Amino acid sequence: MTLVARTLALFLLVLALTAGVAALSDWPRARLLPEGAAALTVTFTHSGARVAECRRLTQAEMARLPPNMRRPDACPRGRVALWLELDLDGAPLLRESLPPTGLSGDGPSQIYRRIALPAREHVIAVRLRDSRRSEGFDHTAEHRVALSPGQNLVVDFRASTGFIIR
């Protein structure tokens, strides 16, 4: 076999393998959502209030501390769990307590939920309690949205602006 024939055979073999990989790269088709559905994603990280108020240390208490540990206030490390409620078209869709992260329960609470919904117009109401109160909510929002098939609607939260639904 000559060098040209061997090179041509190797080229055809590589071309056939490349075509096979390209043909099979889109098979089987993966569906992340059912046909005609949209997705609602609730995702945010937020710190709740401290479990108790900070208190002022007295001069005697500060004197008992090592010099590098002296501070005017003593604050508990723990944070309260967040309470999140989400309603879809007036019906409860999500009711969840979000505990704080961290070994001492002093980190932010986190959520990531993805829910498939029918693609049509919906009214989404979302409420969040991030304080020590036992009733009511500190942050609320309600939006009317029209979802198209395959659309991903995200519910986010920022302490400075409240709920962001986009």
Protein backbone atom coordinates (compact mmCIF):
# COMPACT_ATOMS: atom_id res chain seq x y z
CA MET A 1 0.00 0.00 0.00
CA THR A 2 1.42 3.36 -0.95
CA LEU A 3 1.78 6.32 1.36
CA VAL A 4 -0.97 8.25 -0.46
CA ALA A 5 -3.42 5.32 -0.24
CA ARG A 6 -2.64 4.79 3.46
CA THR A 7 -3.12 8.51 4.20
CA LEU A 8 -6.40 8.56 2.26
CA ALA A 9 -7.67 5.47 4.14
CA LEU A 10 -6.75 7.02 7.49
CA PHE A 11 -8.46 10.28 6.50
CA LEU A 12 -11.66 8.40 5.51
CA LEU A 13 -11.60 6.47 8.79
CA VAL A 14 -11.27 9.69 10.86
CA LEU A 15 -14.01 11.32 8.76
CA ALA A 16 -16.36 8.36 9.35
CA LEU A 17 -15.68 8.39 13.11
CA THR A 18 -16.28 12.16 13.27
CA ALA A 19 -19.56 11.81 11.34
CA GLY A 20 -20.66 9.00 13.67
CA VAL A 21 -19.93 11.03 16.80
CA ALA A 22 -21.71 14.06 15.31
CA ALA A 23 -24.77 11.98 14.38
CA LEU A 24 -25.01 10.40 17.85
CA SER A 25 -24.28 13.61 19.81
CA ASP A 26 -27.94 14.65 19.63
CA TRP A 27 -29.39 11.26 20.50
CA PRO A 28 -31.37 10.51 22.59
CA ARG A 29 -33.00 13.88 23.05
CA ALA A 30 -33.08 14.98 26.69
CA ARG A 31 -36.20 16.76 27.96
CA LEU A 32 -35.79 18.88 31.07
CA LEU A 33 -39.47 19.84 31.12
CA PRO A 34 -42.61 18.06 29.94
CA GLU A 35 -44.07 19.18 26.61
CA GLY A 36 -45.85 22.54 26.95
CA ALA A 37 -44.49 23.25 30.45
CA ALA A 38 -42.50 26.11 31.92
CA ALA A 39 -40.27 26.17 34.99
CA LEU A 40 -40.47 28.21 38.17
CA THR A 41 -37.12 28.41 39.99
CA VAL A 42 -36.98 29.78 43.55
CA THR A 43 -33.39 30.49 44.51
CA PHE A 44 -31.76 32.85 46.97
CA THR A 45 -29.42 33.13 49.95
CA HIS A 46 -30.45 35.40 52.83
CA SER A 47 -29.59 35.76 56.52
CA GLY A 48 -32.38 35.91 59.05
CA ALA A 49 -32.33 38.05 62.18
CA ARG A 50 -30.20 37.07 65.15
CA VAL A 51 -31.92 34.72 67.60
CA ALA A 52 -31.60 37.40 70.33
CA GLU A 53 -30.67 41.06 70.54
CA CYS A 54 -27.11 42.15 71.16
CA ARG A 55 -26.46 43.46 74.68
CA ARG A 56 -23.96 45.98 75.99
CA LEU A 57 -21.15 44.53 78.10
CA THR A 58 -20.39 46.22 81.39
CA GLN A 59 -16.89 47.49 82.18
CA ALA A 60 -16.42 44.58 84.62
CA GLU A 61 -17.38 42.03 81.96
CA MET A 62 -15.02 43.61 79.42
CA ALA A 63 -12.19 43.66 81.99
CA ARG A 64 -12.52 39.87 82.46
CA LEU A 65 -11.96 39.31 78.73
CA PRO A 66 -8.49 39.12 77.19
CA PRO A 67 -7.47 42.45 75.62
CA ASN A 68 -7.82 41.14 72.08
CA MET A 69 -11.40 39.90 72.76
CA ARG A 70 -12.79 43.10 74.30
CA ARG A 71 -15.77 44.52 72.45
CA PRO A 72 -18.61 46.72 73.61
CA ASP A 73 -21.43 44.35 72.57
CA ALA A 74 -22.11 40.66 73.08
CA CYS A 75 -24.16 39.25 70.22
CA PRO A 76 -25.46 35.69 69.91
CA ARG A 77 -24.16 33.91 66.83
CA GLY A 78 -27.32 32.04 65.86
CA ARG A 79 -29.83 33.20 63.27
CA VAL A 80 -33.55 32.46 62.98
CA ALA A 81 -34.83 30.12 60.30
CA LEU A 82 -36.60 31.83 57.40
CA TRP A 83 -40.20 30.92 56.62
CA LEU A 84 -41.12 30.99 52.91
CA GLU A 85 -44.57 30.64 51.36
CA LEU A 86 -45.31 30.64 47.65
CA ASP A 87 -48.81 30.49 46.19
CA LEU A 88 -49.67 29.79 42.57
CA ASP A 89 -53.07 31.06 41.42
CA GLY A 90 -54.22 31.29 45.04
CA ALA A 91 -53.26 27.69 45.91
CA PRO A 92 -50.29 26.85 48.17
CA LEU A 93 -47.33 25.58 46.15
CA LEU A 94 -44.42 25.86 48.59
CA ARG A 95 -44.33 26.11 52.38
CA GLU A 96 -40.84 25.77 53.74
CA SER A 97 -38.69 26.54 56.76
CA LEU A 98 -35.14 27.41 55.70
CA PRO A 99 -32.69 26.78 58.55
CA PRO A 100 -29.49 28.81 58.79
CA THR A 101 -26.28 27.20 57.58
CA GLY A 102 -23.03 26.85 59.50
CA LEU A 103 -21.92 24.84 62.51
CA SER A 104 -23.26 27.46 64.91
CA GLY A 105 -26.40 28.17 62.87
CA ASP A 106 -25.06 31.63 62.08
CA GLY A 107 -24.82 31.41 58.28
CA PRO A 108 -27.36 32.46 55.67
CA SER A 109 -30.37 30.33 54.79
CA GLN A 110 -30.48 28.99 51.24
CA ILE A 111 -33.07 27.61 48.85
CA TYR A 112 -33.05 26.21 45.33
CA ARG A 113 -36.30 24.67 44.08
CA ARG A 114 -37.30 24.10 40.47
CA ILE A 115 -40.95 23.35 39.77
CA ALA A 116 -42.58 22.53 36.41
CA LEU A 117 -45.75 24.52 35.70
CA PRO A 118 -48.24 24.59 32.84
CA ALA A 119 -47.28 27.30 30.35
CA ARG A 120 -50.03 29.93 30.67
CA GLU A 121 -50.85 33.00 32.74
CA HIS A 122 -50.38 32.64 36.50
CA VAL A 123 -50.56 34.79 39.63
CA ILE A 124 -47.57 34.17 41.88
CA ALA A 125 -47.64 35.36 45.49
CA VAL A 126 -44.53 34.95 47.62
CA ARG A 127 -44.00 35.78 51.31
CA LEU A 128 -40.94 35.64 53.56
CA ARG A 129 -40.45 35.97 57.31
CA ASP A 130 -36.84 36.68 58.34
CA SER A 131 -37.37 38.11 61.83
CA ARG A 132 -38.09 36.64 65.26
CA ARG A 133 -41.84 37.23 64.92
CA SER A 134 -44.07 34.16 64.94
CA GLU A 135 -46.92 35.50 62.80
CA GLY A 136 -47.07 37.54 59.60
CA PHE A 137 -44.39 38.27 57.04
CA ASP A 138 -41.62 40.80 56.61
CA HIS A 139 -41.50 40.72 52.79
CA THR A 140 -44.30 40.04 50.29
CA ALA A 141 -44.76 40.26 46.54
CA GLU A 142 -47.43 39.30 44.03
CA HIS A 143 -46.97 39.19 40.27
CA ARG A 144 -49.08 38.20 37.28
CA VAL A 145 -46.91 36.41 34.73
CA ALA A 146 -47.53 34.80 31.33
CA LEU A 147 -45.29 31.77 30.90
CA SER A 148 -44.49 30.31 27.51
CA PRO A 149 -43.40 26.69 26.96
CA GLY A 150 -39.78 26.16 27.95
CA GLN A 151 -39.54 29.49 29.82
CA ASN A 152 -37.77 29.61 33.19
CA LEU A 153 -39.19 32.15 35.66
CA VAL A 154 -36.84 32.92 38.57
CA VAL A 155 -37.93 34.13 42.00
CA ASP A 156 -34.97 35.78 43.75
CA PHE A 157 -34.68 37.83 46.93
CA ARG A 158 -32.41 40.73 47.88
CA ALA A 159 -32.58 42.36 51.31
CA SER A 160 -32.27 45.82 49.74
CA THR A 161 -35.02 45.47 47.12
CA GLY A 162 -37.18 42.54 48.20
CA PHE A 163 -38.43 39.88 45.81
CA ILE A 164 -37.29 39.93 42.20
CA ILE A 165 -39.41 37.87 39.83
CA ARG A 166 -38.01 37.69 36.32
